[in-house]
Amino acid sequence: MSKVRIGIVGTGFISDFHYNGFKKNTDAEIIGVCTHSNMEKLNKMCEEWNIKAYKNFDEMVDDPNIDALIIGSINTDHYPQILKSIKNGKHLLVEKPVVSDFEQLNEIEKASKESGILLFPGHNFVYREAVVKAKEVLENGTLGKIVYSSIISTHDISKEQSEGWRSKKALAAGGALMDSGHHLTYMSLYLMGMPKKIQAFKSNLVLNNMEGEDIAQINLLYPDNSIGCIMQSWTSAHGEGVNGINIVGEKGCLSITDGLYVNGEKLSSDVDYAVSFENQAKAFTDCILKGTKPISTIDDVRNTLKLIYKAYESSEKDAVISI
């Protein structure tokens, strides 16, 4: 295989980012898009991009001219689509959450390993250079003993998102924490590891039509007794003063906002959301063509789900939970 031929499943806003991420990749070619619902949008997208509009998922997954799929459909569609894709020999990049059920995760992991098909989690935030370099800073001891960390994101979402499938627990498996907060959680695990105890809070303050939370916070205690925080909010677009990653050590600090800063020195500007999809696309094709390993694995998917579900348990029980 000299070039990975790719199909995109779903016509949500994320499909545009994936398309543009792969467009600059000389090792990839986007063949077409499919959807189960918005055919008008599908046809418009495919006409604009000059690619094939597939009638449905089955037509796409059965196409021998496609080597890999990007699964960007509604969360509950991921599991059956992943299994059928693996059976048909298609490598997979799957949007978060890959699945939201541990038994399903075990099954697709087993199918992936037995078939040799790549199952690549769409954890695009860890493919930003700023995050990778921050990991290196933590590992080389520049900051000394870590005492505190925070990963915070507050922003609003569109009416289409807040009133669509994300508003239903049966489809979304949660609210802001399970959705956008997924990014914060897997980044926290990548940079800081798994905590030993958590205490979490969640509320529904603004998006009252939603069944899940529109704001959530997890307080974390790590094995070395350092303390951390993860906070995801969909309640306000005015989070400039708090958003970002901040890690404090005895010898210094780092932050990721408009770039990576270590003790005030800017070490990387690669933080852009759109560019993270370009970096992720390159990592995906390298995994297929060169046998490299993804930064974020199925184990990271499992740990992310574990931490989020423990956070929900903590909030509902009003209790500190051991991990």
C-alpha atoms as a PDB file:
ATOM      1  CA  MET A   1       0.000   0.000   0.000  1.00  0.00           C
ATOM      2  CA  SER A   2       1.539   3.309  -1.094  1.00  0.00           C
ATOM      3  CA  LYS A   3      -1.350   5.560  -0.065  1.00  0.00           C
ATOM      4  CA  VAL A   4      -4.149   5.041   2.480  1.00  0.00           C
ATOM      5  CA  ARG A   5      -7.583   5.437   0.870  1.00  0.00           C
ATOM      6  CA  ILE A   6     -10.018   6.731   3.475  1.00  0.00           C
ATOM      7  CA  GLY A   7     -13.769   7.055   3.968  1.00  0.00           C
ATOM      8  CA  ILE A   8     -15.367   9.408   6.485  1.00  0.00           C
ATOM      9  CA  VAL A   9     -18.419   8.196   8.436  1.00  0.00           C
ATOM     10  CA  GLY A  10     -20.642  11.079   9.524  1.00  0.00           C
ATOM     11  CA  THR A  11     -21.345  14.636   8.419  1.00  0.00           C
ATOM     12  CA  GLY A  12     -21.028  16.463  11.755  1.00  0.00           C
ATOM     13  CA  PHE A  13     -18.717  19.441  12.186  1.00  0.00           C
ATOM     14  CA  ILE A  14     -15.831  17.104  13.048  1.00  0.00           C
ATOM     15  CA  SER A  15     -15.805  15.633   9.530  1.00  0.00           C
ATOM     16  CA  ASP A  16     -14.589  18.963   8.153  1.00  0.00           C
ATOM     17  CA  PHE A  17     -11.608  18.922  10.523  1.00  0.00           C
ATOM     18  CA  HIS A  18     -10.741  15.359   9.556  1.00  0.00           C
ATOM     19  CA  TYR A  19     -11.050  16.112   5.842  1.00  0.00           C
ATOM     20  CA  ASN A  20      -8.798  19.172   6.116  1.00  0.00           C
ATOM     21  CA  GLY A  21      -6.393  17.256   8.347  1.00  0.00           C
ATOM     22  CA  PHE A  22      -5.882  14.551   5.733  1.00  0.00           C
ATOM     23  CA  LYS A  23      -6.013  16.900   2.729  1.00  0.00           C
ATOM     24  CA  LYS A  24      -2.381  17.932   3.199  1.00  0.00           C
ATOM     25  CA  ASN A  25      -1.243  14.358   3.864  1.00  0.00           C
ATOM     26  CA  THR A  26       0.549  12.945   0.809  1.00  0.00           C
ATOM     27  CA  ASP A  27       0.143   9.423   2.235  1.00  0.00           C
ATOM     28  CA  ALA A  28      -3.658   9.639   2.253  1.00  0.00           C
ATOM     29  CA  GLU A  29      -6.601  10.162  -0.047  1.00  0.00           C
ATOM     30  CA  ILE A  30     -10.168  10.841   1.101  1.00  0.00           C
ATOM     31  CA  ILE A  31     -12.424   8.739  -1.141  1.00  0.00           C
ATOM     32  CA  GLY A  32     -15.880   9.627   0.163  1.00  0.00           C
ATOM     33  CA  VAL A  33     -18.312  10.289   2.998  1.00  0.00           C
ATOM     34  CA  CYS A  34     -21.428   8.505   4.247  1.00  0.00           C
ATOM     35  CA  THR A  35     -24.182   9.356   6.713  1.00  0.00           C
ATOM     36  CA  HIS A  36     -27.369   7.787   8.044  1.00  0.00           C
ATOM     37  CA  SER A  37     -29.351  11.013   8.178  1.00  0.00           C
ATOM     38  CA  ASN A  38     -28.513  14.337   6.507  1.00  0.00           C
ATOM     39  CA  MET A  39     -28.300  13.386   2.834  1.00  0.00           C
ATOM     40  CA  GLU A  40     -28.624  16.991   1.697  1.00  0.00           C
ATOM     41  CA  LYS A  41     -25.555  17.992   3.694  1.00  0.00           C
ATOM     42  CA  LEU A  42     -23.726  14.860   2.530  1.00  0.00           C
ATOM     43  CA  ASN A  43     -24.289  15.649  -1.128  1.00  0.00           C
ATOM     44  CA  LYS A  44     -23.237  19.273  -0.635  1.00  0.00           C
ATOM     45  CA  MET A  45     -20.019  18.254   1.153  1.00  0.00           C
ATOM     46  CA  CYS A  46     -19.075  15.645  -1.418  1.00  0.00           C
ATOM     47  CA  GLU A  47     -19.774  17.994  -4.311  1.00  0.00           C
ATOM     48  CA  GLU A  48     -17.592  20.666  -2.709  1.00  0.00           C
ATOM     49  CA  TRP A  49     -14.790  18.220  -1.975  1.00  0.00           C
ATOM     50  CA  ASN A  50     -15.200  16.340  -5.267  1.00  0.00           C
ATOM     51  CA  ILE A  51     -15.451  12.936  -3.591  1.00  0.00           C
ATOM     52  CA  LYS A  52     -18.035  10.133  -3.539  1.00  0.00           C
ATOM     53  CA  ALA A  53     -21.272  10.355  -1.554  1.00  0.00           C
ATOM     54  CA  TYR A  54     -22.002   6.835  -0.288  1.00  0.00           C
ATOM     55  CA  LYS A  55     -25.635   5.850   0.172  1.00  0.00           C
ATOM     56  CA  ASN A  56     -24.959   4.424   3.638  1.00  0.00           C
ATOM     57  CA  PHE A  57     -22.328   2.903   5.900  1.00  0.00           C
ATOM     58  CA  ASP A  58     -22.747  -0.603   4.471  1.00  0.00           C
ATOM     59  CA  GLU A  59     -21.919   0.581   0.962  1.00  0.00           C
ATOM     60  CA  MET A  60     -18.796   2.324   2.232  1.00  0.00           C
ATOM     61  CA  VAL A  61     -17.505  -0.489   4.449  1.00  0.00           C
ATOM     62  CA  ASP A  62     -17.986  -3.005   1.618  1.00  0.00           C
ATOM     63  CA  ASP A  63     -16.026  -0.905  -0.892  1.00  0.00           C
ATOM     64  CA  PRO A  64     -12.699  -2.657  -1.715  1.00  0.00           C
ATOM     65  CA  ASN A  65     -11.298   0.704  -2.833  1.00  0.00           C
ATOM     66  CA  ILE A  66     -11.248   1.939   0.779  1.00  0.00           C
ATOM     67  CA  ASP A  67      -8.451   0.926   3.161  1.00  0.00           C
ATOM     68  CA  ALA A  68      -9.486   2.827   6.298  1.00  0.00           C
ATOM     69  CA  LEU A  69     -12.426   4.616   7.879  1.00  0.00           C
ATOM     70  CA  ILE A  70     -12.789   7.618  10.149  1.00  0.00           C
ATOM     71  CA  ILE A  71     -15.705   6.894  12.495  1.00  0.00           C
ATOM     72  CA  GLY A  72     -17.308  10.232  13.342  1.00  0.00           C
ATOM     73  CA  SER A  73     -20.886   9.074  13.814  1.00  0.00           C
ATOM     74  CA  ILE A  74     -23.111   9.298  16.901  1.00  0.00           C
ATOM     75  CA  ASN A  75     -21.509   7.544  19.897  1.00  0.00           C
ATOM     76  CA  THR A  76     -23.972   4.652  19.927  1.00  0.00           C
ATOM     77  CA  ASP A  77     -23.164   3.807  16.296  1.00  0.00           C
ATOM     78  CA  HIS A  78     -19.451   3.341  16.953  1.00  0.00           C
ATOM     79  CA  TYR A  79     -19.550  -0.213  18.306  1.00  0.00           C
ATOM     80  CA  PRO A  80     -21.386  -1.968  15.446  1.00  0.00           C
ATOM     81  CA  GLN A  81     -19.556   0.104  12.847  1.00  0.00           C
ATOM     82  CA  ILE A  82     -16.164  -0.750  14.357  1.00  0.00           C
ATOM     83  CA  LEU A  83     -16.915  -4.477  14.427  1.00  0.00           C
ATOM     84  CA  LYS A  84     -18.126  -4.511  10.823  1.00  0.00           C
ATOM     85  CA  SER A  85     -15.149  -2.423   9.697  1.00  0.00           C
ATOM     86  CA  ILE A  86     -12.678  -4.801  11.339  1.00  0.00           C
ATOM     87  CA  LYS A  87     -14.456  -7.775   9.771  1.00  0.00           C
ATOM     88  CA  ASN A  88     -14.088  -6.068   6.371  1.00  0.00           C
ATOM     89  CA  GLY A  89     -10.398  -5.347   6.892  1.00  0.00           C
ATOM     90  CA  LYS A  90     -10.634  -1.562   7.301  1.00  0.00           C
ATOM     91  CA  HIS A  91      -8.191   0.258   9.559  1.00  0.00           C
ATOM     92  CA  LEU A  92      -9.948   2.676  11.903  1.00  0.00           C
ATOM     93  CA  LEU A  93      -9.562   6.155  13.356  1.00  0.00           C
ATOM     94  CA  VAL A  94     -12.445   6.490  15.817  1.00  0.00           C
ATOM     95  CA  GLU A  95     -13.649   9.721  17.376  1.00  0.00           C
ATOM     96  CA  LYS A  96     -13.904   9.957  21.153  1.00  0.00           C
ATOM     97  CA  PRO A  97     -15.336   8.223  22.996  1.00  0.00           C
ATOM     98  CA  VAL A  98     -14.314   5.213  20.923  1.00  0.00           C
ATOM     99  CA  VAL A  99     -17.064   3.388  22.808  1.00  0.00           C
ATOM    100  CA  SER A 100     -18.598   4.157  26.200  1.00  0.00           C
ATOM    101  CA  ASP A 101     -19.013   0.573  27.453  1.00  0.00           C
ATOM    102  CA  PHE A 102     -16.158  -1.518  28.863  1.00  0.00           C
ATOM    103  CA  GLU A 103     -17.429  -4.848  27.512  1.00  0.00           C
ATOM    104  CA  GLN A 104     -17.693  -3.362  24.033  1.00  0.00           C
ATOM    105  CA  LEU A 105     -14.193  -1.937  24.399  1.00  0.00           C
ATOM    106  CA  ASN A 106     -12.797  -5.344  25.342  1.00  0.00           C
ATOM    107  CA  GLU A 107     -14.517  -6.943  22.363  1.00  0.00           C
ATOM    108  CA  ILE A 108     -13.300  -4.464  19.765  1.00  0.00           C
ATOM    109  CA  GLU A 109      -9.789  -4.530  21.228  1.00  0.00           C
ATOM    110  CA  LYS A 110      -9.752  -8.326  20.910  1.00  0.00           C
ATOM    111  CA  ALA A 111     -11.076  -8.171  17.333  1.00  0.00           C
ATOM    112  CA  SER A 112      -8.468  -5.571  16.408  1.00  0.00           C
ATOM    113  CA  LYS A 113      -5.576  -7.604  17.817  1.00  0.00           C
ATOM    114  CA  GLU A 114      -6.707 -10.879  16.277  1.00  0.00           C
ATOM    115  CA  SER A 115      -7.208  -9.336  12.835  1.00  0.00           C
ATOM    116  CA  GLY A 116      -4.178  -7.058  12.786  1.00  0.00           C
ATOM    117  CA  ILE A 117      -6.452  -4.113  12.023  1.00  0.00           C
ATOM    118  CA  LEU A 118      -5.385  -0.764  13.482  1.00  0.00           C
ATOM    119  CA  LEU A 119      -7.838   0.722  15.999  1.00  0.00           C
ATOM    120  CA  PHE A 120      -6.605   4.288  16.459  1.00  0.00           C
ATOM    121  CA  PRO A 121      -8.339   6.466  19.101  1.00  0.00           C
ATOM    122  CA  GLY A 122      -9.171   9.981  17.890  1.00  0.00           C
ATOM    123  CA  HIS A 123      -7.375  11.670  20.779  1.00  0.00           C
ATOM    124  CA  ASN A 124      -6.151  14.560  18.654  1.00  0.00           C
ATOM    125  CA  PHE A 125      -5.153  16.873  21.527  1.00  0.00           C
ATOM    126  CA  VAL A 126      -2.104  14.752  22.431  1.00  0.00           C
ATOM    127  CA  TYR A 127      -0.814  15.140  18.867  1.00  0.00           C
ATOM    128  CA  ARG A 128      -0.163  18.833  19.446  1.00  0.00           C
ATOM    129  CA  GLU A 129       3.586  19.455  19.671  1.00  0.00           C
ATOM    130  CA  ALA A 130       3.040  21.611  22.751  1.00  0.00           C
ATOM    131  CA  VAL A 131       1.550  18.675  24.662  1.00  0.00           C
ATOM    132  CA  VAL A 132       4.252  16.234  23.532  1.00  0.00           C
ATOM    133  CA  LYS A 133       6.987  18.689  24.580  1.00  0.00           C
ATOM    134  CA  ALA A 134       5.240  19.284  27.907  1.00  0.00           C
ATOM    135  CA  LYS A 135       5.420  15.533  28.529  1.00  0.00           C
ATOM    136  CA  GLU A 136       9.171  15.657  27.816  1.00  0.00           C
ATOM    137  CA  VAL A 137       9.597  18.562  30.256  1.00  0.00           C
ATOM    138  CA  LEU A 138       7.841  16.611  32.990  1.00  0.00           C
ATOM    139  CA  GLU A 139       9.914  13.501  32.332  1.00  0.00           C
ATOM    140  CA  ASN A 140      13.269  15.296  32.298  1.00  0.00           C
ATOM    141  CA  GLY A 141      12.692  16.828  35.732  1.00  0.00           C
ATOM    142  CA  THR A 142      12.915  20.491  34.715  1.00  0.00           C
ATOM    143  CA  LEU A 143      10.064  21.406  37.065  1.00  0.00           C
ATOM    144  CA  GLY A 144      11.287  19.268  39.954  1.00  0.00           C
ATOM    145  CA  LYS A 145       8.706  17.624  42.185  1.00  0.00           C
ATOM    146  CA  ILE A 146       5.219  18.343  40.833  1.00  0.00           C
ATOM    147  CA  VAL A 147       2.822  19.783  43.396  1.00  0.00           C
ATOM    148  CA  TYR A 148      -0.226  20.893  41.389  1.00  0.00           C
ATOM    149  CA  SER A 149      -1.779  20.563  37.940  1.00  0.00           C
ATOM    150  CA  SER A 150      -4.933  21.843  36.278  1.00  0.00           C
ATOM    151  CA  ILE A 151      -6.534  21.265  32.884  1.00  0.00           C
ATOM    152  CA  ILE A 152      -9.471  23.597  32.343  1.00  0.00           C
ATOM    153  CA  SER A 153     -11.713  24.364  29.378  1.00  0.00           C
ATOM    154  CA  THR A 154     -14.812  26.527  29.414  1.00  0.00           C
ATOM    155  CA  HIS A 155     -16.623  27.405  26.197  1.00  0.00           C
ATOM    156  CA  ASP A 156     -20.114  27.406  24.775  1.00  0.00           C
ATOM    157  CA  ILE A 157     -21.537  25.041  22.161  1.00  0.00           C
ATOM    158  CA  SER A 158     -23.979  25.553  19.318  1.00  0.00           C
ATOM    159  CA  LYS A 159     -27.739  25.164  19.661  1.00  0.00           C
ATOM    160  CA  GLU A 160     -27.538  22.254  17.222  1.00  0.00           C
ATOM    161  CA  GLN A 161     -25.084  20.480  19.538  1.00  0.00           C
ATOM    162  CA  SER A 162     -26.876  21.260  22.814  1.00  0.00           C
ATOM    163  CA  GLU A 163     -30.278  20.204  21.462  1.00  0.00           C
ATOM    164  CA  GLY A 164     -29.123  17.289  19.312  1.00  0.00           C
ATOM    165  CA  TRP A 165     -28.021  13.794  20.297  1.00  0.00           C
ATOM    166  CA  ARG A 166     -25.562  15.181  22.890  1.00  0.00           C
ATOM    167  CA  SER A 167     -28.525  16.239  25.019  1.00  0.00           C
ATOM    168  CA  LYS A 168     -29.623  12.599  25.535  1.00  0.00           C
ATOM    169  CA  LYS A 169     -27.803  10.397  28.047  1.00  0.00           C
ATOM    170  CA  ALA A 170     -28.772   7.257  26.136  1.00  0.00           C
ATOM    171  CA  LEU A 171     -26.845   8.544  23.099  1.00  0.00           C
ATOM    172  CA  ALA A 172     -24.061  10.570  24.711  1.00  0.00           C
ATOM    173  CA  ALA A 173     -23.414   8.463  27.877  1.00  0.00           C
ATOM    174  CA  GLY A 174     -23.027  11.705  29.820  1.00  0.00           C
ATOM    175  CA  GLY A 175     -22.737  15.438  29.359  1.00  0.00           C
ATOM    176  CA  ALA A 176     -19.878  17.906  28.971  1.00  0.00           C
ATOM    177  CA  LEU A 177     -17.397  15.714  30.853  1.00  0.00           C
ATOM    178  CA  MET A 178     -17.968  12.629  28.694  1.00  0.00           C
ATOM    179  CA  ASP A 179     -17.908  14.716  25.514  1.00  0.00           C
ATOM    180  CA  SER A 180     -15.455  17.652  25.421  1.00  0.00           C
ATOM    181  CA  GLY A 181     -14.103  16.640  28.817  1.00  0.00           C
ATOM    182  CA  HIS A 182     -12.817  13.455  27.201  1.00  0.00           C
ATOM    183  CA  HIS A 183      -9.998  15.539  25.698  1.00  0.00           C
ATOM    184  CA  LEU A 184      -9.047  16.988  29.074  1.00  0.00           C
ATOM    185  CA  THR A 185      -9.151  13.600  30.756  1.00  0.00           C
ATOM    186  CA  TYR A 186      -6.913  11.736  28.305  1.00  0.00           C
ATOM    187  CA  MET A 187      -4.481  14.684  28.308  1.00  0.00           C
ATOM    188  CA  SER A 188      -4.403  14.604  32.107  1.00  0.00           C
ATOM    189  CA  LEU A 189      -3.659  10.876  32.033  1.00  0.00           C
ATOM    190  CA  TYR A 190      -0.964  11.373  29.384  1.00  0.00           C
ATOM    191  CA  LEU A 191       0.794  14.121  31.335  1.00  0.00           C
ATOM    192  CA  MET A 192       0.126  13.215  34.975  1.00  0.00           C
ATOM    193  CA  GLY A 193      -0.888   9.558  35.077  1.00  0.00           C
ATOM    194  CA  MET A 194      -3.771   7.924  36.941  1.00  0.00           C
ATOM    195  CA  PRO A 195      -4.768   9.494  40.279  1.00  0.00           C
ATOM    196  CA  LYS A 196      -5.332   7.377  43.364  1.00  0.00           C
ATOM    197  CA  LYS A 197      -8.392   9.289  44.601  1.00  0.00           C
ATOM    198  CA  ILE A 198     -10.919  11.692  43.101  1.00  0.00           C
ATOM    199  CA  GLN A 199     -13.804  13.859  44.193  1.00  0.00           C
ATOM    200  CA  ALA A 200     -16.061  15.260  41.489  1.00  0.00           C
ATOM    201  CA  PHE A 201     -18.922  17.697  41.098  1.00  0.00           C
ATOM    202  CA  LYS A 202     -21.280  18.270  38.172  1.00  0.00           C
ATOM    203  CA  SER A 203     -24.150  20.635  37.489  1.00  0.00           C
ATOM    204  CA  ASN A 204     -26.619  21.697  34.850  1.00  0.00           C
ATOM    205  CA  LEU A 205     -26.596  25.493  34.983  1.00  0.00           C
ATOM    206  CA  VAL A 206     -27.309  26.936  31.535  1.00  0.00           C
ATOM    207  CA  LEU A 207     -28.216  24.204  29.028  1.00  0.00           C
ATOM    208  CA  ASN A 208     -31.259  23.049  30.959  1.00  0.00           C
ATOM    209  CA  ASN A 209     -32.679  21.029  28.076  1.00  0.00           C
ATOM    210  CA  MET A 210     -29.756  18.609  28.395  1.00  0.00           C
ATOM    211  CA  GLU A 211     -30.119  15.422  30.438  1.00  0.00           C
ATOM    212  CA  GLY A 212     -26.416  15.492  31.312  1.00  0.00           C
ATOM    213  CA  GLU A 213     -24.193  18.080  32.937  1.00  0.00           C
ATOM    214  CA  ASP A 214     -23.058  21.282  31.252  1.00  0.00           C
ATOM    215  CA  ILE A 215     -20.214  21.772  33.754  1.00  0.00           C
ATOM    216  CA  ALA A 216     -18.108  19.287  35.744  1.00  0.00           C
ATOM    217  CA  GLN A 217     -14.980  19.360  37.857  1.00  0.00           C
ATOM    218  CA  ILE A 218     -12.776  16.535  39.109  1.00  0.00           C
ATOM    219  CA  ASN A 219     -10.360  17.043  41.989  1.00  0.00           C
ATOM    220  CA  LEU A 220      -7.524  14.530  41.860  1.00  0.00           C
ATOM    221  CA  LEU A 221      -5.006  13.151  44.358  1.00  0.00           C
ATOM    222  CA  TYR A 222      -2.044  11.373  42.792  1.00  0.00           C
ATOM    223  CA  PRO A 223       0.073   8.534  44.198  1.00  0.00           C
ATOM    224  CA  ASP A 224       2.815  11.038  45.121  1.00  0.00           C
ATOM    225  CA  ASN A 225       0.180  13.129  46.968  1.00  0.00           C
ATOM    226  CA  SER A 226       0.302  15.997  44.474  1.00  0.00           C
ATOM    227  CA  ILE A 227      -3.083  17.510  43.674  1.00  0.00           C
ATOM    228  CA  GLY A 228      -4.803  18.204  40.380  1.00  0.00           C
ATOM    229  CA  CYS A 229      -7.985  19.449  38.764  1.00  0.00           C
ATOM    230  CA  ILE A 230      -9.913  18.776  35.540  1.00  0.00           C
ATOM    231  CA  MET A 231     -12.770  21.152  34.699  1.00  0.00           C
ATOM    232  CA  GLN A 232     -14.967  21.135  31.586  1.00  0.00           C
ATOM    233  CA  SER A 233     -17.726  23.678  31.068  1.00  0.00           C
ATOM    234  CA  TRP A 234     -20.200  24.427  28.273  1.00  0.00           C
ATOM    235  CA  THR A 235     -21.741  27.299  30.240  1.00  0.00           C
ATOM    236  CA  SER A 236     -19.676  30.315  29.146  1.00  0.00           C
ATOM    237  CA  ALA A 237     -17.473  31.545  26.305  1.00  0.00           C
ATOM    238  CA  HIS A 238     -15.537  33.806  28.684  1.00  0.00           C
ATOM    239  CA  GLY A 239     -12.910  31.466  30.071  1.00  0.00           C
ATOM    240  CA  GLU A 240      -9.799  33.234  28.818  1.00  0.00           C
ATOM    241  CA  GLY A 241      -8.500  33.794  32.343  1.00  0.00           C
ATOM    242  CA  VAL A 242      -8.742  30.164  33.418  1.00  0.00           C
ATOM    243  CA  ASN A 243      -8.509  27.997  30.289  1.00  0.00           C
ATOM    244  CA  GLY A 244      -5.430  25.912  29.566  1.00  0.00           C
ATOM    245  CA  ILE A 245      -3.028  23.470  31.130  1.00  0.00           C
ATOM    246  CA  ASN A 246      -0.982  24.562  34.135  1.00  0.00           C
ATOM    247  CA  ILE A 247       1.513  22.395  36.009  1.00  0.00           C
ATOM    248  CA  VAL A 248       3.474  23.663  38.995  1.00  0.00           C
ATOM    249  CA  GLY A 249       6.625  22.091  40.411  1.00  0.00           C
ATOM    250  CA  GLU A 250       9.141  22.963  43.111  1.00  0.00           C
ATOM    251  CA  LYS A 251      11.579  24.266  40.497  1.00  0.00           C
ATOM    252  CA  GLY A 252       9.249  25.892  38.005  1.00  0.00           C
ATOM    253  CA  CYS A 253       6.028  25.735  36.064  1.00  0.00           C
ATOM    254  CA  LEU A 254       4.635  25.128  32.601  1.00  0.00           C
ATOM    255  CA  SER A 255       1.485  26.300  30.912  1.00  0.00           C
ATOM    256  CA  ILE A 256      -0.215  25.574  27.607  1.00  0.00           C
ATOM    257  CA  THR A 257      -2.417  28.402  26.371  1.00  0.00           C
ATOM    258  CA  ASP A 258      -1.535  30.019  23.028  1.00  0.00           C
ATOM    259  CA  GLY A 259       1.662  27.990  23.199  1.00  0.00           C
ATOM    260  CA  LEU A 260       3.788  25.958  25.577  1.00  0.00           C
ATOM    261  CA  TYR A 261       5.565  28.103  28.156  1.00  0.00           C
ATOM    262  CA  VAL A 262       8.145  26.703  30.567  1.00  0.00           C
ATOM    263  CA  ASN A 263       9.227  29.130  33.255  1.00  0.00           C
ATOM    264  CA  GLY A 264       8.063  31.966  31.010  1.00  0.00           C
ATOM    265  CA  GLU A 265       9.928  30.808  27.894  1.00  0.00           C
ATOM    266  CA  LYS A 266       7.820  29.859  24.876  1.00  0.00           C
ATOM    267  CA  LEU A 267       8.939  26.456  23.588  1.00  0.00           C
ATOM    268  CA  SER A 268       6.174  25.643  21.088  1.00  0.00           C
ATOM    269  CA  SER A 269       3.356  27.403  19.248  1.00  0.00           C
ATOM    270  CA  ASP A 270       1.722  24.183  18.042  1.00  0.00           C
ATOM    271  CA  VAL A 271      -1.555  24.263  19.961  1.00  0.00           C
ATOM    272  CA  ASP A 272      -4.081  24.971  17.187  1.00  0.00           C
ATOM    273  CA  TYR A 273      -7.165  22.724  17.176  1.00  0.00           C
ATOM    274  CA  ALA A 274      -7.230  22.360  13.398  1.00  0.00           C
ATOM    275  CA  VAL A 275      -3.507  21.587  13.197  1.00  0.00           C
ATOM    276  CA  SER A 276      -3.935  18.811  15.759  1.00  0.00           C
ATOM    277  CA  PHE A 277      -5.979  16.965  13.118  1.00  0.00           C
ATOM    278  CA  GLU A 278      -3.125  17.326  10.607  1.00  0.00           C
ATOM    279  CA  ASN A 279      -0.672  15.897  13.163  1.00  0.00           C
ATOM    280  CA  GLN A 280      -3.080  13.110  14.040  1.00  0.00           C
ATOM    281  CA  ALA A 281      -3.653  12.289  10.367  1.00  0.00           C
ATOM    282  CA  LYS A 282       0.102  11.937   9.850  1.00  0.00           C
ATOM    283  CA  ALA A 283       0.367   9.668  12.901  1.00  0.00           C
ATOM    284  CA  PHE A 284      -2.524   7.526  11.602  1.00  0.00           C
ATOM    285  CA  THR A 285      -1.021   6.954   8.158  1.00  0.00           C
ATOM    286  CA  ASP A 286       2.415   6.354   9.701  1.00  0.00           C
ATOM    287  CA  CYS A 287       0.895   3.625  11.884  1.00  0.00           C
ATOM    288  CA  ILE A 288      -0.554   1.909   8.806  1.00  0.00           C
ATOM    289  CA  LEU A 289       2.317   2.403   6.362  1.00  0.00           C
ATOM    290  CA  LYS A 290       5.350   2.410   8.666  1.00  0.00           C
ATOM    291  CA  GLY A 291       4.190   0.384  11.662  1.00  0.00           C
ATOM    292  CA  THR A 292       4.686   3.199  14.179  1.00  0.00           C
ATOM    293  CA  LYS A 293       2.649   3.265  17.409  1.00  0.00           C
ATOM    294  CA  PRO A 294      -0.046   5.818  18.284  1.00  0.00           C
ATOM    295  CA  ILE A 295       0.582   8.166  21.195  1.00  0.00           C
ATOM    296  CA  SER A 296      -2.819   7.312  22.651  1.00  0.00           C
ATOM    297  CA  THR A 297      -3.849   3.651  22.794  1.00  0.00           C
ATOM    298  CA  ILE A 298      -6.844   1.505  23.698  1.00  0.00           C
ATOM    299  CA  ASP A 299      -5.474   1.367  27.247  1.00  0.00           C
ATOM    300  CA  ASP A 300      -5.787   5.158  27.325  1.00  0.00           C
ATOM    301  CA  VAL A 301      -9.379   4.843  26.103  1.00  0.00           C
ATOM    302  CA  ARG A 302     -10.086   2.417  28.949  1.00  0.00           C
ATOM    303  CA  ASN A 303      -8.433   4.625  31.587  1.00  0.00           C
ATOM    304  CA  THR A 304     -10.240   7.725  30.314  1.00  0.00           C
ATOM    305  CA  LEU A 305     -13.599   5.983  30.592  1.00  0.00           C
ATOM    306  CA  LYS A 306     -12.686   4.657  34.015  1.00  0.00           C
ATOM    307  CA  LEU A 307     -11.809   8.098  35.332  1.00  0.00           C
ATOM    308  CA  ILE A 308     -14.938   9.746  33.890  1.00  0.00           C
ATOM    309  CA  TYR A 309     -17.282   7.056  35.214  1.00  0.00           C
ATOM    310  CA  LYS A 310     -15.610   7.225  38.636  1.00  0.00           C
ATOM    311  CA  ALA A 311     -16.131  10.994  38.533  1.00  0.00           C
ATOM    312  CA  TYR A 312     -19.839  10.487  37.850  1.00  0.00           C
ATOM    313  CA  GLU A 313     -19.981   7.999  40.716  1.00  0.00           C
ATOM    314  CA  SER A 314     -18.272  10.456  43.044  1.00  0.00           C
ATOM    315  CA  SER A 315     -20.663  13.250  42.118  1.00  0.00           C
ATOM    316  CA  GLU A 316     -23.749  11.094  42.522  1.00  0.00           C
ATOM    317  CA  LYS A 317     -22.608   9.647  45.871  1.00  0.00           C
ATOM    318  CA  ASP A 318     -21.095  12.929  47.104  1.00  0.00           C
ATOM    319  CA  ALA A 319     -18.008  10.938  48.055  1.00  0.00           C
ATOM    320  CA  VAL A 320     -14.262  10.649  47.583  1.00  0.00           C
ATOM    321  CA  ILE A 321     -13.630   7.642  45.316  1.00  0.00           C
ATOM    322  CA  SER A 322     -10.507   5.498  45.254  1.00  0.00           C
ATOM    323  CA  ILE A 323      -9.329   4.518  41.785  1.00  0.00           C
END
